[in-house]
Amino acid sequence: MSKIFGAYIKQIPEDFEFVLKGLGNKFRLSLTLLLSERNFLSLTELVKITNLENSVLLNHIKKLQLAGIIQNFLKKEKSSREFSFYEITDFGNKVLSDLIEIYNNFLKIVNRNHHLIEISYTQDIPKDLELALKSISNSFRFAITLYLIENGPISFSELTEITKKENSLIASHIKKLELGGIVQNFLEKNNSSSQYSFYKITSFGKSIISGLLNSYNDYYNVINT
């Protein structure tokens, strides 16, 4: 990997990588929505609602905890035998609300008659949002988007050159970003180059990427001051 592209990888904080992985899974995103709507739930209640085995559910919970999106706390409820509960964190609430707002704002730009979409646990998560978050859940792919936002369109051969990765691997990553609507391919004859097929960040991709980064930076700038 070249130093140029390596710098973009290093820009991504480890805890932010956990955020990307946490939100990049449809079930974990749904679980985040559930906790934002129900305030707090015990593991027993979560198992009953989601119909998942304890071990599988706890694996998802662990990833969201590492992301700082949900947290565990102890509380004795008179009406329940449970005392260990899970809740969404302030950071999780901010990321989730910002993400939904960003998504709706983008749809409003695309369609002026767009009606506000209420994204909740009981409703299917919009497929385009699901695929977008899944496509950037990998730090290498996220670094590609950062490079495109800062430097503009790039050809496939240029991308393999700066990343020093095999063609097949780059093709796989690019395909996932395209499926997520984050990156798109276009043809253009460039007089200064023999290349004519390029990749660029989409307006939707830029909105999602910038929005997630702003949520992260805004929150941690606040708690670090």
C-alpha atoms as a PDB file:
ATOM      1  CA  MET A   1       0.000   0.000   0.000  1.00  0.00           C
ATOM      2  CA  SER A   2       1.365   3.423  -0.941  1.00  0.00           C
ATOM      3  CA  LYS A   3       2.004   6.073   1.708  1.00  0.00           C
ATOM      4  CA  ILE A   4      -0.611   8.274   0.048  1.00  0.00           C
ATOM      5  CA  PHE A   5      -3.443   5.786   0.464  1.00  0.00           C
ATOM      6  CA  GLY A   6      -2.093   4.526   3.787  1.00  0.00           C
ATOM      7  CA  ALA A   7      -2.625   8.014   5.179  1.00  0.00           C
ATOM      8  CA  TYR A   8      -6.373   7.683   4.521  1.00  0.00           C
ATOM      9  CA  ILE A   9      -6.483   4.373   6.366  1.00  0.00           C
ATOM     10  CA  LYS A  10      -4.749   6.002   9.341  1.00  0.00           C
ATOM     11  CA  GLN A  11      -7.320   8.801   9.362  1.00  0.00           C
ATOM     12  CA  ILE A  12      -9.994   6.358  10.517  1.00  0.00           C
ATOM     13  CA  PRO A  13     -10.036   6.079  14.355  1.00  0.00           C
ATOM     14  CA  GLU A  14     -10.380   2.535  15.698  1.00  0.00           C
ATOM     15  CA  ASP A  15     -13.573   3.342  17.575  1.00  0.00           C
ATOM     16  CA  PHE A  16     -15.046   4.832  14.397  1.00  0.00           C
ATOM     17  CA  GLU A  17     -14.278   1.544  12.604  1.00  0.00           C
ATOM     18  CA  PHE A  18     -16.444  -0.164  15.224  1.00  0.00           C
ATOM     19  CA  VAL A  19     -19.225   2.340  14.461  1.00  0.00           C
ATOM     20  CA  LEU A  20     -19.062   1.453  10.761  1.00  0.00           C
ATOM     21  CA  LYS A  21     -19.160  -2.274  11.522  1.00  0.00           C
ATOM     22  CA  GLY A  22     -21.956  -1.823  14.024  1.00  0.00           C
ATOM     23  CA  LEU A  23     -24.250   0.054  11.650  1.00  0.00           C
ATOM     24  CA  GLY A  24     -23.194  -1.977   8.613  1.00  0.00           C
ATOM     25  CA  ASN A  25     -25.215  -4.984   9.725  1.00  0.00           C
ATOM     26  CA  LYS A  26     -28.989  -4.887   9.177  1.00  0.00           C
ATOM     27  CA  PHE A  27     -29.839  -6.683  12.406  1.00  0.00           C
ATOM     28  CA  ARG A  28     -27.562  -4.483  14.505  1.00  0.00           C
ATOM     29  CA  LEU A  29     -29.070  -1.381  12.949  1.00  0.00           C
ATOM     30  CA  SER A  30     -32.532  -2.756  13.791  1.00  0.00           C
ATOM     31  CA  LEU A  31     -31.417  -3.515  17.338  1.00  0.00           C
ATOM     32  CA  THR A  32     -30.226   0.072  17.688  1.00  0.00           C
ATOM     33  CA  LEU A  33     -33.616   1.306  16.493  1.00  0.00           C
ATOM     34  CA  LEU A  34     -35.384  -1.004  18.951  1.00  0.00           C
ATOM     35  CA  LEU A  35     -33.429   0.300  21.940  1.00  0.00           C
ATOM     36  CA  SER A  36     -33.920   3.901  20.843  1.00  0.00           C
ATOM     37  CA  GLU A  37     -37.680   3.297  20.881  1.00  0.00           C
ATOM     38  CA  ARG A  38     -37.945   1.221  24.070  1.00  0.00           C
ATOM     39  CA  ASN A  39     -35.442   3.095  26.282  1.00  0.00           C
ATOM     40  CA  PHE A  40     -33.973  -0.063  27.802  1.00  0.00           C
ATOM     41  CA  LEU A  41     -34.497  -3.831  27.664  1.00  0.00           C
ATOM     42  CA  SER A  42     -33.074  -6.843  29.475  1.00  0.00           C
ATOM     43  CA  LEU A  43     -31.333  -9.657  27.627  1.00  0.00           C
ATOM     44  CA  THR A  44     -34.341 -11.888  28.271  1.00  0.00           C
ATOM     45  CA  GLU A  45     -36.656  -9.312  26.693  1.00  0.00           C
ATOM     46  CA  LEU A  46     -34.311  -8.853  23.723  1.00  0.00           C
ATOM     47  CA  VAL A  47     -34.165 -12.615  23.122  1.00  0.00           C
ATOM     48  CA  LYS A  48     -37.966 -12.798  23.221  1.00  0.00           C
ATOM     49  CA  ILE A  49     -38.410  -9.886  20.810  1.00  0.00           C
ATOM     50  CA  THR A  50     -35.696 -10.840  18.305  1.00  0.00           C
ATOM     51  CA  ASN A  51     -36.091 -14.636  18.496  1.00  0.00           C
ATOM     52  CA  LEU A  52     -32.314 -15.060  18.510  1.00  0.00           C
ATOM     53  CA  GLU A  53     -30.299 -17.375  20.726  1.00  0.00           C
ATOM     54  CA  ASN A  54     -28.445 -15.753  23.612  1.00  0.00           C
ATOM     55  CA  SER A  55     -25.000 -16.378  22.133  1.00  0.00           C
ATOM     56  CA  VAL A  56     -25.889 -14.896  18.727  1.00  0.00           C
ATOM     57  CA  LEU A  57     -27.606 -11.884  20.260  1.00  0.00           C
ATOM     58  CA  LEU A  58     -24.741 -11.243  22.664  1.00  0.00           C
ATOM     59  CA  ASN A  59     -22.287 -11.271  19.761  1.00  0.00           C
ATOM     60  CA  HIS A  60     -24.247  -8.492  18.055  1.00  0.00           C
ATOM     61  CA  ILE A  61     -24.573  -6.602  21.348  1.00  0.00           C
ATOM     62  CA  LYS A  62     -20.831  -6.827  21.925  1.00  0.00           C
ATOM     63  CA  LYS A  63     -20.113  -5.200  18.548  1.00  0.00           C
ATOM     64  CA  LEU A  64     -22.524  -2.363  19.300  1.00  0.00           C
ATOM     65  CA  GLN A  65     -20.962  -1.887  22.730  1.00  0.00           C
ATOM     66  CA  LEU A  66     -17.495  -1.666  21.167  1.00  0.00           C
ATOM     67  CA  ALA A  67     -18.912   1.001  18.850  1.00  0.00           C
ATOM     68  CA  GLY A  68     -20.200   2.969  21.836  1.00  0.00           C
ATOM     69  CA  ILE A  69     -23.724   2.743  20.439  1.00  0.00           C
ATOM     70  CA  ILE A  70     -25.339   0.742  23.249  1.00  0.00           C
ATOM     71  CA  GLN A  71     -24.351   0.075  26.838  1.00  0.00           C
ATOM     72  CA  ASN A  72     -25.189  -2.260  29.688  1.00  0.00           C
ATOM     73  CA  PHE A  73     -26.312  -1.070  33.117  1.00  0.00           C
ATOM     74  CA  LEU A  74     -27.599  -2.606  36.335  1.00  0.00           C
ATOM     75  CA  LYS A  75     -30.926  -1.598  37.822  1.00  0.00           C
ATOM     76  CA  LYS A  76     -33.390  -3.339  40.105  1.00  0.00           C
ATOM     77  CA  GLU A  77     -36.922  -3.141  38.739  1.00  0.00           C
ATOM     78  CA  LYS A  78     -39.717  -3.858  41.221  1.00  0.00           C
ATOM     79  CA  SER A  79     -41.935  -5.237  38.479  1.00  0.00           C
ATOM     80  CA  SER A  80     -39.243  -7.554  37.141  1.00  0.00           C
ATOM     81  CA  ARG A  81     -36.731 -10.141  38.300  1.00  0.00           C
ATOM     82  CA  GLU A  82     -34.223  -8.684  35.830  1.00  0.00           C
ATOM     83  CA  PHE A  83     -31.498  -6.313  36.946  1.00  0.00           C
ATOM     84  CA  SER A  84     -29.178  -6.156  33.904  1.00  0.00           C
ATOM     85  CA  PHE A  85     -30.366  -4.035  30.988  1.00  0.00           C
ATOM     86  CA  TYR A  86     -29.173  -2.573  27.688  1.00  0.00           C
ATOM     87  CA  GLU A  87     -29.818   0.935  26.406  1.00  0.00           C
ATOM     88  CA  ILE A  88     -28.750   3.136  23.535  1.00  0.00           C
ATOM     89  CA  THR A  89     -26.041   5.660  24.448  1.00  0.00           C
ATOM     90  CA  ASP A  90     -26.196   9.413  23.835  1.00  0.00           C
ATOM     91  CA  PHE A  91     -23.664   8.887  21.052  1.00  0.00           C
ATOM     92  CA  GLY A  92     -25.783   6.080  19.572  1.00  0.00           C
ATOM     93  CA  ASN A  93     -28.862   8.309  19.637  1.00  0.00           C
ATOM     94  CA  LYS A  94     -26.980  11.107  17.908  1.00  0.00           C
ATOM     95  CA  VAL A  95     -25.574   8.890  15.150  1.00  0.00           C
ATOM     96  CA  LEU A  96     -28.956   7.258  14.557  1.00  0.00           C
ATOM     97  CA  SER A  97     -30.973  10.480  14.467  1.00  0.00           C
ATOM     98  CA  ASP A  98     -28.376  12.224  12.283  1.00  0.00           C
ATOM     99  CA  LEU A  99     -28.290   9.266   9.899  1.00  0.00           C
ATOM    100  CA  ILE A 100     -32.070   9.219   9.481  1.00  0.00           C
ATOM    101  CA  GLU A 101     -32.114  12.996   8.946  1.00  0.00           C
ATOM    102  CA  ILE A 102     -29.323  12.785   6.351  1.00  0.00           C
ATOM    103  CA  TYR A 103     -31.173  10.022   4.505  1.00  0.00           C
ATOM    104  CA  ASN A 104     -34.449  11.961   4.448  1.00  0.00           C
ATOM    105  CA  ASN A 105     -32.726  15.180   3.387  1.00  0.00           C
ATOM    106  CA  PHE A 106     -31.096  13.401   0.479  1.00  0.00           C
ATOM    107  CA  LEU A 107     -34.412  11.895  -0.623  1.00  0.00           C
ATOM    108  CA  LYS A 108     -35.939  15.368  -0.480  1.00  0.00           C
ATOM    109  CA  ILE A 109     -33.255  16.622  -2.884  1.00  0.00           C
ATOM    110  CA  VAL A 110     -33.939  13.737  -5.271  1.00  0.00           C
ATOM    111  CA  ASN A 111     -37.709  14.050  -4.952  1.00  0.00           C
ATOM    112  CA  ARG A 112     -39.144  17.414  -3.929  1.00  0.00           C
ATOM    113  CA  ASN A 113     -42.451  15.737  -3.045  1.00  0.00           C
ATOM    114  CA  HIS A 114     -40.708  13.316  -0.715  1.00  0.00           C
ATOM    115  CA  HIS A 115     -42.571  12.576   2.504  1.00  0.00           C
ATOM    116  CA  LEU A 116     -40.570  12.065   5.678  1.00  0.00           C
ATOM    117  CA  ILE A 117     -39.707   8.387   6.185  1.00  0.00           C
ATOM    118  CA  GLU A 118     -40.080   7.145   9.752  1.00  0.00           C
ATOM    119  CA  ILE A 119     -37.420   4.470  10.114  1.00  0.00           C
ATOM    120  CA  SER A 120     -38.220   2.198  13.057  1.00  0.00           C
ATOM    121  CA  TYR A 121     -37.663  -1.319  14.376  1.00  0.00           C
ATOM    122  CA  THR A 122     -41.097  -2.506  13.249  1.00  0.00           C
ATOM    123  CA  GLN A 123     -40.569  -1.348   9.650  1.00  0.00           C
ATOM    124  CA  ASP A 124     -38.204  -2.652   7.020  1.00  0.00           C
ATOM    125  CA  ILE A 125     -35.008  -0.610   6.792  1.00  0.00           C
ATOM    126  CA  PRO A 126     -34.820   1.031   3.335  1.00  0.00           C
ATOM    127  CA  LYS A 127     -32.756  -1.257   1.117  1.00  0.00           C
ATOM    128  CA  ASP A 128     -30.610   1.538  -0.291  1.00  0.00           C
ATOM    129  CA  LEU A 129     -29.694   2.723   3.213  1.00  0.00           C
ATOM    130  CA  GLU A 130     -28.948  -0.837   4.318  1.00  0.00           C
ATOM    131  CA  LEU A 131     -26.663  -1.482   1.330  1.00  0.00           C
ATOM    132  CA  ALA A 132     -24.944   1.881   1.721  1.00  0.00           C
ATOM    133  CA  LEU A 133     -24.047   1.247   5.362  1.00  0.00           C
ATOM    134  CA  LYS A 134     -22.988  -2.322   4.599  1.00  0.00           C
ATOM    135  CA  SER A 135     -20.683  -1.178   1.794  1.00  0.00           C
ATOM    136  CA  ILE A 136     -18.750   1.251   4.026  1.00  0.00           C
ATOM    137  CA  SER A 137     -18.545  -1.088   7.030  1.00  0.00           C
ATOM    138  CA  ASN A 138     -15.055  -2.094   5.848  1.00  0.00           C
ATOM    139  CA  SER A 139     -12.252   0.368   6.725  1.00  0.00           C
ATOM    140  CA  PHE A 140     -10.449  -0.193   3.411  1.00  0.00           C
ATOM    141  CA  ARG A 141     -13.582   0.693   1.436  1.00  0.00           C
ATOM    142  CA  PHE A 142     -14.235   3.655   3.705  1.00  0.00           C
ATOM    143  CA  ALA A 143     -10.701   4.883   2.996  1.00  0.00           C
ATOM    144  CA  ILE A 144     -11.442   4.670  -0.741  1.00  0.00           C
ATOM    145  CA  THR A 145     -14.439   6.966  -0.246  1.00  0.00           C
ATOM    146  CA  LEU A 146     -12.316   9.442   1.731  1.00  0.00           C
ATOM    147  CA  TYR A 147      -9.778   9.476  -1.100  1.00  0.00           C
ATOM    148  CA  LEU A 148     -12.475  10.064  -3.732  1.00  0.00           C
ATOM    149  CA  ILE A 149     -14.082  12.884  -1.732  1.00  0.00           C
ATOM    150  CA  GLU A 150     -10.763  14.677  -1.353  1.00  0.00           C
ATOM    151  CA  ASN A 151      -9.159  13.950  -4.734  1.00  0.00           C
ATOM    152  CA  GLY A 152     -12.038  13.419  -7.146  1.00  0.00           C
ATOM    153  CA  PRO A 153     -12.520  10.684  -9.776  1.00  0.00           C
ATOM    154  CA  ILE A 154      -9.919   7.983 -10.265  1.00  0.00           C
ATOM    155  CA  SER A 155      -9.449   5.213 -12.810  1.00  0.00           C
ATOM    156  CA  PHE A 156      -9.312   1.554 -11.859  1.00  0.00           C
ATOM    157  CA  SER A 157      -5.630   1.257 -12.740  1.00  0.00           C
ATOM    158  CA  GLU A 158      -4.810   4.365 -10.691  1.00  0.00           C
ATOM    159  CA  LEU A 159      -6.728   2.909  -7.758  1.00  0.00           C
ATOM    160  CA  THR A 160      -4.790  -0.356  -7.896  1.00  0.00           C
ATOM    161  CA  GLU A 161      -1.570   1.648  -8.115  1.00  0.00           C
ATOM    162  CA  ILE A 162      -2.157   3.769  -5.010  1.00  0.00           C
ATOM    163  CA  THR A 163      -3.529   0.875  -2.942  1.00  0.00           C
ATOM    164  CA  LYS A 164      -0.981  -1.712  -4.154  1.00  0.00           C
ATOM    165  CA  LYS A 165      -3.707  -4.356  -4.083  1.00  0.00           C
ATOM    166  CA  GLU A 166      -4.557  -7.053  -6.635  1.00  0.00           C
ATOM    167  CA  ASN A 167      -7.060  -6.198  -9.361  1.00  0.00           C
ATOM    168  CA  SER A 168      -9.523  -8.856  -8.206  1.00  0.00           C
ATOM    169  CA  LEU A 169      -9.574  -7.503  -4.646  1.00  0.00           C
ATOM    170  CA  ILE A 170     -10.063  -3.891  -5.748  1.00  0.00           C
ATOM    171  CA  ALA A 171     -12.806  -4.978  -8.159  1.00  0.00           C
ATOM    172  CA  SER A 172     -14.614  -6.725  -5.301  1.00  0.00           C
ATOM    173  CA  HIS A 173     -14.432  -3.676  -3.037  1.00  0.00           C
ATOM    174  CA  ILE A 174     -15.529  -1.293  -5.788  1.00  0.00           C
ATOM    175  CA  LYS A 175     -18.460  -3.553  -6.679  1.00  0.00           C
ATOM    176  CA  LYS A 176     -19.722  -3.409  -3.092  1.00  0.00           C
ATOM    177  CA  LEU A 177     -19.427   0.373  -3.027  1.00  0.00           C
ATOM    178  CA  GLU A 178     -21.347   0.568  -6.302  1.00  0.00           C
ATOM    179  CA  LEU A 179     -24.092  -1.718  -4.959  1.00  0.00           C
ATOM    180  CA  GLY A 180     -24.329   0.560  -1.950  1.00  0.00           C
ATOM    181  CA  GLY A 181     -24.795   3.606  -4.158  1.00  0.00           C
ATOM    182  CA  ILE A 182     -21.662   5.154  -2.648  1.00  0.00           C
ATOM    183  CA  VAL A 183     -19.482   5.063  -5.771  1.00  0.00           C
ATOM    184  CA  GLN A 184     -20.363   5.083  -9.455  1.00  0.00           C
ATOM    185  CA  ASN A 185     -18.500   4.352 -12.663  1.00  0.00           C
ATOM    186  CA  PHE A 186     -18.503   6.736 -15.619  1.00  0.00           C
ATOM    187  CA  LEU A 187     -16.777   6.954 -18.981  1.00  0.00           C
ATOM    188  CA  GLU A 188     -14.827  10.019 -20.010  1.00  0.00           C
ATOM    189  CA  LYS A 189     -12.004  10.584 -22.442  1.00  0.00           C
ATOM    190  CA  ASN A 190      -9.152  12.345 -20.693  1.00  0.00           C
ATOM    191  CA  ASN A 191      -6.605  13.955 -23.036  1.00  0.00           C
ATOM    192  CA  SER A 192      -3.898  13.764 -20.386  1.00  0.00           C
ATOM    193  CA  SER A 193      -4.407  10.041 -19.854  1.00  0.00           C
ATOM    194  CA  SER A 194      -5.102   6.865 -21.803  1.00  0.00           C
ATOM    195  CA  GLN A 195      -7.789   6.024 -19.229  1.00  0.00           C
ATOM    196  CA  TYR A 196     -11.464   6.509 -19.994  1.00  0.00           C
ATOM    197  CA  SER A 197     -13.259   4.571 -17.228  1.00  0.00           C
ATOM    198  CA  PHE A 198     -13.361   6.334 -13.859  1.00  0.00           C
ATOM    199  CA  TYR A 199     -14.971   6.017 -10.435  1.00  0.00           C
ATOM    200  CA  LYS A 200     -16.357   8.861  -8.369  1.00  0.00           C
ATOM    201  CA  ILE A 201     -18.210   9.362  -5.106  1.00  0.00           C
ATOM    202  CA  THR A 202     -21.954   9.852  -5.535  1.00  0.00           C
ATOM    203  CA  SER A 203     -23.848  12.704  -3.908  1.00  0.00           C
ATOM    204  CA  PHE A 204     -25.643  10.087  -1.787  1.00  0.00           C
ATOM    205  CA  GLY A 205     -22.312   8.558  -0.790  1.00  0.00           C
ATOM    206  CA  LYS A 206     -20.841  11.920   0.119  1.00  0.00           C
ATOM    207  CA  SER A 207     -23.896  12.737   2.237  1.00  0.00           C
ATOM    208  CA  ILE A 208     -23.663   9.485   4.199  1.00  0.00           C
ATOM    209  CA  ILE A 209     -19.877   9.626   4.648  1.00  0.00           C
ATOM    210  CA  SER A 210     -19.805  13.286   5.662  1.00  0.00           C
ATOM    211  CA  GLY A 211     -22.808  12.823   7.926  1.00  0.00           C
ATOM    212  CA  LEU A 212     -21.286   9.932   9.872  1.00  0.00           C
ATOM    213  CA  LEU A 213     -17.979  11.755  10.260  1.00  0.00           C
ATOM    214  CA  ASN A 214     -19.727  14.936  11.412  1.00  0.00           C
ATOM    215  CA  SER A 215     -21.779  12.987  13.978  1.00  0.00           C
ATOM    216  CA  TYR A 216     -18.642  11.381  15.345  1.00  0.00           C
ATOM    217  CA  ASN A 217     -16.601  14.593  15.397  1.00  0.00           C
ATOM    218  CA  ASP A 218     -19.404  16.749  16.805  1.00  0.00           C
ATOM    219  CA  TYR A 219     -20.086  14.362  19.663  1.00  0.00           C
ATOM    220  CA  TYR A 220     -16.489  13.728  20.667  1.00  0.00           C
ATOM    221  CA  ASN A 221     -15.536  17.386  20.326  1.00  0.00           C
ATOM    222  CA  VAL A 222     -18.303  18.112  22.811  1.00  0.00           C
ATOM    223  CA  ILE A 223     -17.326  15.468  25.372  1.00  0.00           C
ATOM    224  CA  ASN A 224     -13.611  16.226  25.048  1.00  0.00           C
ATOM    225  CA  THR A 225     -13.999  19.937  25.837  1.00  0.00           C
END
